[in-house]
Amino acid sequence: MPLAGCSILLSASAAILILVGEPVWGGAAAIAVAVLQAAAASGAQTPRGRLLWGAAGPLADAAILAPVAWVHRSSDPSVAALSLVTLGVCLVASYERARGLALGYRFGSLWGLRFARQATVGAGVIAGGSGLAAALSVALSLATVSLVARAVGVGTHRADPAAETGRGA
């Protein structure tokens, strides 16, 4: 799964660029990460591919949103707080997905929401100022939609019966 691996490395590059004060390049790298992860979603058919793709999303979220919070911690505390809240919701949604899959629930693919959320944050990093705050608000809304969609998926669908009884593979 080379695309997911490349997106992880590019996420680290985006984090470094944001931290060293290059928001245009950092935002462009964040958008490139979103594109790579969307492309990797179609190839995530093997167990290894699904693992890498599943790990790439939370790593990218942390690599982009945490540096944004750090850079804006003094100059714009509301943007820093919004960034951290968005990161928290993204990580809970990722945990919910991983835990649900481990318990045998099958979710519809939400890679389009991930792409939109990550690309929006990248565009906001490039825009800066009020554009960044608006982008983070949109990203928080998209992350919340992901979280709610997965919660509804768990609440309305039965898990694989073999997984429920412990007789599954």
N, C-alpha and C. Protein backbone atom coordinates (compact mmCIF):
# COMPACT_ATOMS: atom_id res chain seq x y z
N MET A 1 0.83 -1.18 0.00
CA MET A 1 0.00 0.00 0.00
C MET A 1 0.88 1.24 0.00
N PRO A 2 1.55 1.50 -1.11
CA PRO A 2 2.49 2.62 -1.14
C PRO A 2 1.83 3.99 -0.99
N LEU A 3 0.58 4.15 -1.43
CA LEU A 3 -0.07 5.46 -1.33
C LEU A 3 -0.30 5.87 0.12
N ALA A 4 -0.77 4.94 0.93
CA ALA A 4 -0.99 5.25 2.35
C ALA A 4 0.33 5.55 3.04
N GLY A 5 1.37 4.80 2.72
CA GLY A 5 2.69 5.05 3.30
C GLY A 5 3.23 6.41 2.90
N CYS A 6 3.05 6.77 1.63
CA CYS A 6 3.49 8.10 1.17
C CYS A 6 2.70 9.20 1.86
N SER A 7 1.40 8.95 2.09
CA SER A 7 0.60 9.99 2.75
C SER A 7 1.05 10.19 4.20
N ILE A 8 1.51 9.12 4.84
CA ILE A 8 2.02 9.25 6.20
C ILE A 8 3.29 10.11 6.20
N LEU A 9 4.20 9.86 5.27
CA LEU A 9 5.43 10.65 5.18
C LEU A 9 5.13 12.11 4.80
N LEU A 10 4.19 12.29 3.92
CA LEU A 10 3.81 13.65 3.52
C LEU A 10 3.13 14.39 4.67
N SER A 11 2.42 13.66 5.52
CA SER A 11 1.81 14.28 6.72
C SER A 11 2.89 14.85 7.63
N ALA A 12 3.97 14.09 7.80
CA ALA A 12 5.08 14.57 8.63
C ALA A 12 5.70 15.83 8.00
N SER A 13 5.80 15.84 6.69
CA SER A 13 6.33 17.02 6.01
C SER A 13 5.42 18.23 6.21
N ALA A 14 4.12 17.99 6.12
CA ALA A 14 3.17 19.09 6.33
C ALA A 14 3.30 19.65 7.74
N ALA A 15 3.45 18.76 8.72
CA ALA A 15 3.60 19.20 10.11
C ALA A 15 4.84 20.08 10.27
N ILE A 16 5.94 19.63 9.70
CA ILE A 16 7.18 20.40 9.80
C ILE A 16 7.03 21.76 9.13
N LEU A 17 6.42 21.78 7.95
CA LEU A 17 6.25 23.05 7.23
C LEU A 17 5.37 24.02 8.01
N ILE A 18 4.32 23.51 8.63
CA ILE A 18 3.45 24.38 9.43
C ILE A 18 4.22 24.91 10.64
N LEU A 19 4.98 24.06 11.28
CA LEU A 19 5.72 24.46 12.48
C LEU A 19 6.83 25.47 12.20
N VAL A 20 7.44 25.38 11.02
CA VAL A 20 8.52 26.32 10.71
C VAL A 20 8.03 27.61 10.05
N GLY A 21 6.71 27.78 9.98
CA GLY A 21 6.16 29.03 9.49
C GLY A 21 5.98 29.11 7.98
N GLU A 22 5.73 27.98 7.36
CA GLU A 22 5.46 27.93 5.92
C GLU A 22 4.04 27.40 5.70
N PRO A 23 3.02 28.20 6.06
CA PRO A 23 1.65 27.68 5.98
C PRO A 23 1.17 27.37 4.57
N VAL A 24 1.64 28.09 3.58
CA VAL A 24 1.20 27.81 2.21
C VAL A 24 1.68 26.43 1.78
N TRP A 25 2.96 26.15 2.02
CA TRP A 25 3.50 24.84 1.65
C TRP A 25 2.93 23.74 2.56
N GLY A 26 2.75 24.05 3.83
CA GLY A 26 2.17 23.07 4.75
C GLY A 26 0.73 22.74 4.37
N GLY A 27 -0.04 23.75 4.01
CA GLY A 27 -1.42 23.52 3.57
C GLY A 27 -1.47 22.74 2.27
N ALA A 28 -0.55 23.06 1.35
CA ALA A 28 -0.50 22.32 0.08
C ALA A 28 -0.15 20.86 0.34
N ALA A 29 0.77 20.61 1.25
CA ALA A 29 1.11 19.23 1.60
C ALA A 29 -0.08 18.53 2.24
N ALA A 30 -0.85 19.25 3.07
CA ALA A 30 -2.03 18.66 3.70
C ALA A 30 -3.08 18.28 2.65
N ILE A 31 -3.25 19.12 1.65
CA ILE A 31 -4.19 18.80 0.57
C ILE A 31 -3.68 17.59 -0.22
N ALA A 32 -2.38 17.54 -0.46
CA ALA A 32 -1.80 16.39 -1.16
C ALA A 32 -2.01 15.10 -0.35
N VAL A 33 -1.91 15.20 0.97
CA VAL A 33 -2.18 14.04 1.83
C VAL A 33 -3.62 13.57 1.64
N ALA A 34 -4.55 14.51 1.60
CA ALA A 34 -5.96 14.16 1.42
C ALA A 34 -6.17 13.45 0.08
N VAL A 35 -5.52 13.94 -0.96
CA VAL A 35 -5.64 13.32 -2.29
C VAL A 35 -5.05 11.91 -2.27
N LEU A 36 -3.87 11.76 -1.68
CA LEU A 36 -3.24 10.43 -1.61
C LEU A 36 -4.11 9.45 -0.82
N GLN A 37 -4.70 9.91 0.27
CA GLN A 37 -5.53 9.01 1.07
C GLN A 37 -6.81 8.63 0.35
N ALA A 38 -7.36 9.55 -0.43
CA ALA A 38 -8.54 9.22 -1.22
C ALA A 38 -8.19 8.18 -2.28
N ALA A 39 -7.02 8.34 -2.90
CA ALA A 39 -6.58 7.36 -3.88
C ALA A 39 -6.28 6.01 -3.22
N ALA A 40 -5.72 6.05 -2.02
CA ALA A 40 -5.40 4.80 -1.31
C ALA A 40 -6.64 4.07 -0.85
N ALA A 41 -7.74 4.78 -0.66
CA ALA A 41 -8.98 4.15 -0.20
C ALA A 41 -9.46 3.09 -1.17
N SER A 42 -9.27 3.34 -2.46
CA SER A 42 -9.73 2.36 -3.45
C SER A 42 -8.84 1.12 -3.46
N GLY A 43 -7.61 1.23 -3.01
CA GLY A 43 -6.70 0.08 -2.99
C GLY A 43 -6.63 -0.61 -1.66
N ALA A 44 -7.45 -0.21 -0.71
CA ALA A 44 -7.39 -0.78 0.65
C ALA A 44 -8.22 -2.06 0.72
N GLN A 45 -7.88 -3.05 -0.10
CA GLN A 45 -8.65 -4.29 -0.13
C GLN A 45 -7.99 -5.41 0.68
N THR A 46 -6.70 -5.37 0.81
CA THR A 46 -6.00 -6.40 1.58
C THR A 46 -6.00 -6.00 3.05
N PRO A 47 -5.81 -6.96 3.96
CA PRO A 47 -5.74 -6.59 5.38
C PRO A 47 -4.64 -5.57 5.68
N ARG A 48 -3.49 -5.74 5.05
CA ARG A 48 -2.39 -4.79 5.26
C ARG A 48 -2.76 -3.41 4.73
N GLY A 49 -3.39 -3.38 3.56
CA GLY A 49 -3.81 -2.12 2.97
C GLY A 49 -4.85 -1.41 3.83
N ARG A 50 -5.80 -2.17 4.37
CA ARG A 50 -6.82 -1.57 5.25
C ARG A 50 -6.19 -1.03 6.53
N LEU A 51 -5.19 -1.75 7.05
CA LEU A 51 -4.50 -1.30 8.26
C LEU A 51 -3.76 0.01 8.00
N LEU A 52 -3.00 0.06 6.91
CA LEU A 52 -2.27 1.29 6.60
C LEU A 52 -3.21 2.45 6.33
N TRP A 53 -4.27 2.19 5.56
CA TRP A 53 -5.21 3.27 5.26
C TRP A 53 -5.92 3.74 6.52
N GLY A 54 -6.27 2.79 7.40
CA GLY A 54 -6.93 3.16 8.65
C GLY A 54 -6.02 3.96 9.57
N ALA A 55 -4.73 3.66 9.55
CA ALA A 55 -3.77 4.38 10.40
C ALA A 55 -3.39 5.73 9.80
N ALA A 56 -3.42 5.83 8.49
CA ALA A 56 -2.98 7.06 7.83
C ALA A 56 -3.89 8.24 8.16
N GLY A 57 -5.19 7.99 8.30
CA GLY A 57 -6.12 9.09 8.58
C GLY A 57 -5.87 9.77 9.91
N PRO A 58 -5.87 9.02 11.03
CA PRO A 58 -5.60 9.67 12.31
C PRO A 58 -4.21 10.29 12.39
N LEU A 59 -3.22 9.65 11.76
CA LEU A 59 -1.88 10.24 11.77
C LEU A 59 -1.85 11.57 11.02
N ALA A 60 -2.54 11.62 9.89
CA ALA A 60 -2.60 12.87 9.13
C ALA A 60 -3.34 13.94 9.92
N ASP A 61 -4.45 13.55 10.56
CA ASP A 61 -5.19 14.53 11.35
C ASP A 61 -4.31 15.11 12.45
N ALA A 62 -3.60 14.23 13.16
CA ALA A 62 -2.73 14.69 14.24
C ALA A 62 -1.57 15.52 13.70
N ALA A 63 -1.02 15.11 12.56
CA ALA A 63 0.14 15.81 12.00
C ALA A 63 -0.21 17.21 11.50
N ILE A 64 -1.47 17.44 11.15
CA ILE A 64 -1.86 18.76 10.64
C ILE A 64 -2.48 19.61 11.75
N LEU A 65 -3.44 19.03 12.47
CA LEU A 65 -4.21 19.81 13.45
C LEU A 65 -3.40 20.18 14.70
N ALA A 66 -2.55 19.28 15.17
CA ALA A 66 -1.75 19.61 16.36
C ALA A 66 -0.76 20.75 16.09
N PRO A 67 -0.01 20.74 14.97
CA PRO A 67 0.85 21.89 14.69
C PRO A 67 0.08 23.21 14.50
N VAL A 68 -1.12 23.12 13.91
CA VAL A 68 -1.94 24.33 13.77
C VAL A 68 -2.26 24.88 15.16
N ALA A 69 -2.63 24.00 16.08
CA ALA A 69 -2.93 24.43 17.45
C ALA A 69 -1.68 25.03 18.10
N TRP A 70 -0.54 24.40 17.89
CA TRP A 70 0.69 24.87 18.51
C TRP A 70 1.08 26.25 17.97
N VAL A 71 1.01 26.42 16.67
CA VAL A 71 1.42 27.69 16.06
C VAL A 71 0.50 28.83 16.50
N HIS A 72 -0.78 28.54 16.70
CA HIS A 72 -1.75 29.59 17.02
C HIS A 72 -2.07 29.69 18.51
N ARG A 73 -1.34 28.98 19.35
CA ARG A 73 -1.66 28.93 20.78
C ARG A 73 -1.60 30.30 21.44
N SER A 74 -0.71 31.17 21.02
CA SER A 74 -0.60 32.50 21.61
C SER A 74 -1.31 33.56 20.78
N SER A 75 -1.16 33.48 19.48
CA SER A 75 -1.70 34.53 18.62
C SER A 75 -3.22 34.45 18.45
N ASP A 76 -3.78 33.25 18.45
CA ASP A 76 -5.22 33.08 18.27
C ASP A 76 -5.69 31.84 19.03
N PRO A 77 -5.89 31.98 20.34
CA PRO A 77 -6.25 30.81 21.15
C PRO A 77 -7.56 30.13 20.71
N SER A 78 -8.47 30.88 20.12
CA SER A 78 -9.72 30.25 19.68
C SER A 78 -9.46 29.30 18.51
N VAL A 79 -8.56 29.66 17.61
CA VAL A 79 -8.20 28.75 16.51
C VAL A 79 -7.47 27.53 17.07
N ALA A 80 -6.59 27.75 18.04
CA ALA A 80 -5.89 26.61 18.65
C ALA A 80 -6.88 25.66 19.32
N ALA A 81 -7.85 26.21 20.05
CA ALA A 81 -8.84 25.37 20.71
C ALA A 81 -9.71 24.64 19.70
N LEU A 82 -10.12 25.33 18.66
CA LEU A 82 -10.95 24.71 17.62
C LEU A 82 -10.18 23.58 16.93
N SER A 83 -8.91 23.80 16.70
CA SER A 83 -8.07 22.77 16.10
C SER A 83 -7.98 21.53 16.98
N LEU A 84 -7.81 21.74 18.28
CA LEU A 84 -7.71 20.60 19.20
C LEU A 84 -9.04 19.87 19.37
N VAL A 85 -10.13 20.60 19.38
CA VAL A 85 -11.45 19.96 19.46
C VAL A 85 -11.71 19.14 18.20
N THR A 86 -11.37 19.70 17.05
CA THR A 86 -11.53 18.97 15.79
C THR A 86 -10.67 17.70 15.81
N LEU A 87 -9.44 17.82 16.26
CA LEU A 87 -8.57 16.64 16.36
C LEU A 87 -9.18 15.59 17.28
N GLY A 88 -9.71 16.02 18.41
CA GLY A 88 -10.34 15.07 19.34
C GLY A 88 -11.51 14.33 18.72
N VAL A 89 -12.37 15.06 18.02
CA VAL A 89 -13.53 14.41 17.38
C VAL A 89 -13.06 13.46 16.28
N CYS A 90 -12.04 13.86 15.51
CA CYS A 90 -11.50 12.98 14.47
C CYS A 90 -10.95 11.68 15.07
N LEU A 91 -10.23 11.80 16.17
CA LEU A 91 -9.64 10.61 16.79
C LEU A 91 -10.71 9.71 17.40
N VAL A 92 -11.74 10.29 17.99
CA VAL A 92 -12.84 9.47 18.51
C VAL A 92 -13.56 8.75 17.38
N ALA A 93 -13.78 9.44 16.26
CA ALA A 93 -14.42 8.80 15.10
C ALA A 93 -13.56 7.66 14.56
N SER A 94 -12.24 7.86 14.52
CA SER A 94 -11.34 6.79 14.06
C SER A 94 -11.36 5.61 15.01
N TYR A 95 -11.36 5.90 16.31
CA TYR A 95 -11.44 4.83 17.30
C TYR A 95 -12.76 4.07 17.16
N GLU A 96 -13.84 4.81 16.98
CA GLU A 96 -15.15 4.19 16.84
C GLU A 96 -15.17 3.26 15.63
N ARG A 97 -14.58 3.67 14.54
CA ARG A 97 -14.50 2.85 13.34
C ARG A 97 -13.68 1.59 13.60
N ALA A 98 -12.50 1.76 14.18
CA ALA A 98 -11.62 0.61 14.43
C ALA A 98 -12.26 -0.37 15.40
N ARG A 99 -12.84 0.14 16.45
CA ARG A 99 -13.47 -0.73 17.45
C ARG A 99 -14.69 -1.44 16.85
N GLY A 100 -15.49 -0.72 16.10
CA GLY A 100 -16.65 -1.33 15.46
C GLY A 100 -16.25 -2.44 14.50
N LEU A 101 -15.22 -2.19 13.69
CA LEU A 101 -14.76 -3.22 12.77
C LEU A 101 -14.22 -4.43 13.52
N ALA A 102 -13.52 -4.19 14.62
CA ALA A 102 -13.00 -5.30 15.42
C ALA A 102 -14.12 -6.13 16.03
N LEU A 103 -15.25 -5.50 16.30
CA LEU A 103 -16.39 -6.22 16.87
C LEU A 103 -17.28 -6.86 15.81
N GLY A 104 -16.92 -6.67 14.54
CA GLY A 104 -17.66 -7.32 13.48
C GLY A 104 -18.70 -6.47 12.78
N TYR A 105 -18.78 -5.19 13.11
CA TYR A 105 -19.73 -4.31 12.42
C TYR A 105 -19.15 -3.91 11.08
N ARG A 106 -20.00 -3.75 10.12
CA ARG A 106 -19.57 -3.33 8.79
C ARG A 106 -20.15 -1.94 8.53
N PHE A 107 -19.26 -1.02 8.23
CA PHE A 107 -19.65 0.36 7.98
C PHE A 107 -19.53 0.65 6.50
N GLY A 108 -20.35 1.57 6.04
CA GLY A 108 -20.16 2.09 4.70
C GLY A 108 -18.89 2.93 4.69
N SER A 109 -18.27 3.03 3.55
CA SER A 109 -17.04 3.79 3.45
C SER A 109 -17.33 5.29 3.56
N LEU A 110 -16.59 5.95 4.41
CA LEU A 110 -16.74 7.40 4.59
C LEU A 110 -15.48 8.14 4.13
N TRP A 111 -14.76 7.55 3.16
CA TRP A 111 -13.51 8.17 2.74
C TRP A 111 -13.76 9.54 2.10
N GLY A 112 -14.93 9.76 1.53
CA GLY A 112 -15.24 11.06 0.94
C GLY A 112 -15.29 12.16 2.01
N LEU A 113 -15.85 11.80 3.18
CA LEU A 113 -15.87 12.76 4.29
C LEU A 113 -14.46 13.06 4.78
N ARG A 114 -13.63 12.00 4.86
CA ARG A 114 -12.24 12.20 5.29
C ARG A 114 -11.53 13.13 4.32
N PHE A 115 -11.70 12.87 3.03
CA PHE A 115 -11.06 13.71 2.02
C PHE A 115 -11.51 15.16 2.16
N ALA A 116 -12.81 15.37 2.26
CA ALA A 116 -13.34 16.74 2.36
C ALA A 116 -12.82 17.43 3.61
N ARG A 117 -12.79 16.71 4.73
CA ARG A 117 -12.33 17.30 5.98
C ARG A 117 -10.85 17.68 5.90
N GLN A 118 -10.03 16.77 5.40
CA GLN A 118 -8.59 17.03 5.35
C GLN A 118 -8.24 18.11 4.32
N ALA A 119 -8.92 18.10 3.19
CA ALA A 119 -8.67 19.12 2.17
C ALA A 119 -9.11 20.50 2.66
N THR A 120 -10.22 20.53 3.41
CA THR A 120 -10.71 21.79 3.96
C THR A 120 -9.70 22.38 4.94
N VAL A 121 -9.15 21.54 5.80
CA VAL A 121 -8.14 22.03 6.75
C VAL A 121 -6.92 22.53 6.00
N GLY A 122 -6.47 21.80 4.98
CA GLY A 122 -5.32 22.25 4.19
C GLY A 122 -5.57 23.60 3.54
N ALA A 123 -6.76 23.77 2.96
CA ALA A 123 -7.11 25.06 2.35
C ALA A 123 -7.15 26.17 3.40
N GLY A 124 -7.65 25.84 4.59
CA GLY A 124 -7.69 26.82 5.67
C GLY A 124 -6.31 27.23 6.14
N VAL A 125 -5.39 26.27 6.18
CA VAL A 125 -4.01 26.59 6.57
C VAL A 125 -3.40 27.55 5.54
N ILE A 126 -3.69 27.31 4.28
CA ILE A 126 -3.18 28.21 3.24
C ILE A 126 -3.80 29.60 3.39
N ALA A 127 -5.12 29.65 3.62
CA ALA A 127 -5.83 30.93 3.72
C ALA A 127 -5.41 31.72 4.95
N GLY A 128 -5.26 31.02 6.09
CA GLY A 128 -4.89 31.69 7.33
C GLY A 128 -6.02 32.56 7.85
N GLY A 129 -5.80 33.22 8.96
CA GLY A 129 -6.75 34.16 9.55
C GLY A 129 -8.14 33.59 9.74
N SER A 130 -9.13 34.38 9.32
CA SER A 130 -10.52 33.96 9.48
C SER A 130 -10.85 32.78 8.57
N GLY A 131 -10.11 32.62 7.47
CA GLY A 131 -10.30 31.47 6.59
C GLY A 131 -9.95 30.17 7.30
N LEU A 132 -8.92 30.22 8.14
CA LEU A 132 -8.53 29.04 8.90
C LEU A 132 -9.59 28.69 9.92
N ALA A 133 -10.11 29.69 10.61
CA ALA A 133 -11.16 29.42 11.61
C ALA A 133 -12.40 28.85 10.94
N ALA A 134 -12.77 29.39 9.78
CA ALA A 134 -13.94 28.87 9.07
C ALA A 134 -13.70 27.44 8.60
N ALA A 135 -12.50 27.17 8.08
CA ALA A 135 -12.18 25.83 7.61
C ALA A 135 -12.19 24.83 8.76
N LEU A 136 -11.69 25.24 9.90
CA LEU A 136 -11.70 24.34 11.07
C LEU A 136 -13.13 24.07 11.53
N SER A 137 -13.99 25.07 11.44
CA SER A 137 -15.40 24.86 11.80
C SER A 137 -16.06 23.87 10.86
N VAL A 138 -15.78 23.98 9.58
CA VAL A 138 -16.32 23.03 8.60
C VAL A 138 -15.76 21.64 8.86
N ALA A 139 -14.45 21.56 9.12
CA ALA A 139 -13.82 20.27 9.40
C ALA A 139 -14.41 19.63 10.66
N LEU A 140 -14.68 20.44 11.67
CA LEU A 140 -15.30 19.91 12.88
C LEU A 140 -16.69 19.37 12.57
N SER A 141 -17.43 20.07 11.75
CA SER A 141 -18.76 19.59 11.36
C SER A 141 -18.67 18.26 10.61
N LEU A 142 -17.72 18.16 9.69
CA LEU A 142 -17.56 16.92 8.92
C LEU A 142 -17.11 15.76 9.82
N ALA A 143 -16.23 16.05 10.76
CA ALA A 143 -15.79 15.01 11.70
C ALA A 143 -16.95 14.55 12.57
N THR A 144 -17.80 15.48 12.96
CA THR A 144 -18.97 15.13 13.77
C THR A 144 -19.94 14.28 12.97
N VAL A 145 -20.11 14.59 11.69
CA VAL A 145 -20.97 13.77 10.83
C VAL A 145 -20.43 12.34 10.76
N SER A 146 -19.12 12.19 10.62
CA SER A 146 -18.49 10.87 10.61
C SER A 146 -18.77 10.12 11.91
N LEU A 147 -18.59 10.81 13.01
CA LEU A 147 -18.80 10.20 14.32
C LEU A 147 -20.24 9.75 14.49
N VAL A 148 -21.18 10.60 14.14
CA VAL A 148 -22.60 10.26 14.28
C VAL A 148 -22.98 9.14 13.32
N ALA A 149 -22.47 9.19 12.08
CA ALA A 149 -22.80 8.15 11.10
C ALA A 149 -22.33 6.78 11.58
N ARG A 150 -21.16 6.72 12.16
CA ARG A 150 -20.67 5.43 12.66
C ARG A 150 -21.45 4.99 13.89
N ALA A 151 -21.82 5.92 14.76
CA ALA A 151 -22.61 5.55 15.93
C ALA A 151 -23.98 5.02 15.50
N VAL A 152 -24.58 5.65 14.52
CA VAL A 152 -25.87 5.17 14.01
C VAL A 152 -25.68 3.80 13.35
N GLY A 153 -24.56 3.63 12.65
CA GLY A 153 -24.27 2.34 12.02
C GLY A 153 -24.17 1.22 13.03
N VAL A 154 -23.54 1.48 14.16
CA VAL A 154 -23.43 0.47 15.21
C VAL A 154 -24.80 0.23 15.84
N GLY A 155 -25.56 1.29 16.03
CA GLY A 155 -26.85 1.15 16.68
C GLY A 155 -27.91 0.47 15.85
N THR A 156 -27.78 0.54 14.52
CA THR A 156 -28.84 -0.01 13.67
C THR A 156 -28.47 -1.31 12.98
N HIS A 157 -27.23 -1.71 13.02
CA HIS A 157 -26.82 -2.94 12.35
C HIS A 157 -26.31 -3.95 13.35
N ARG A 158 -26.64 -5.18 13.11
CA ARG A 158 -26.11 -6.24 13.96
C ARG A 158 -24.71 -6.59 13.49
N ALA A 159 -23.90 -6.96 14.42
CA ALA A 159 -22.56 -7.42 14.08
C ALA A 159 -22.65 -8.79 13.43
N ASP A 160 -21.57 -9.19 12.83
CA ASP A 160 -21.47 -10.53 12.26
C ASP A 160 -21.72 -11.54 13.37
N PRO A 161 -22.70 -12.45 13.21
CA PRO A 161 -23.03 -13.39 14.29
C PRO A 161 -21.83 -14.23 14.74
N ALA A 162 -20.95 -14.57 13.83
CA ALA A 162 -19.77 -15.36 14.22
C ALA A 162 -18.87 -14.55 15.14
N ALA A 163 -18.79 -13.24 14.89
CA ALA A 163 -17.95 -12.39 15.75
C ALA A 163 -18.61 -12.21 17.12
N GLU A 164 -19.95 -12.16 17.16
CA GLU A 164 -20.65 -11.99 18.45
C GLU A 164 -20.44 -13.16 19.38
N THR A 165 -20.43 -14.36 18.82
CA THR A 165 -20.33 -15.55 19.66
C THR A 165 -18.89 -15.99 19.87
N GLY A 166 -17.97 -15.32 19.21
CA GLY A 166 -16.57 -15.69 19.39
C GLY A 166 -16.16 -16.86 18.51
N ARG A 167 -17.04 -17.31 17.61
CA ARG A 167 -16.71 -18.45 16.75
C ARG A 167 -16.12 -18.01 15.43
N GLY A 168 -15.99 -16.73 15.22
CA GLY A 168 -15.46 -16.23 13.95
C GLY A 168 -13.95 -16.33 13.88
N ALA A 169 -13.43 -16.08 12.70
CA ALA A 169 -11.97 -16.14 12.50
C ALA A 169 -11.27 -15.01 13.18
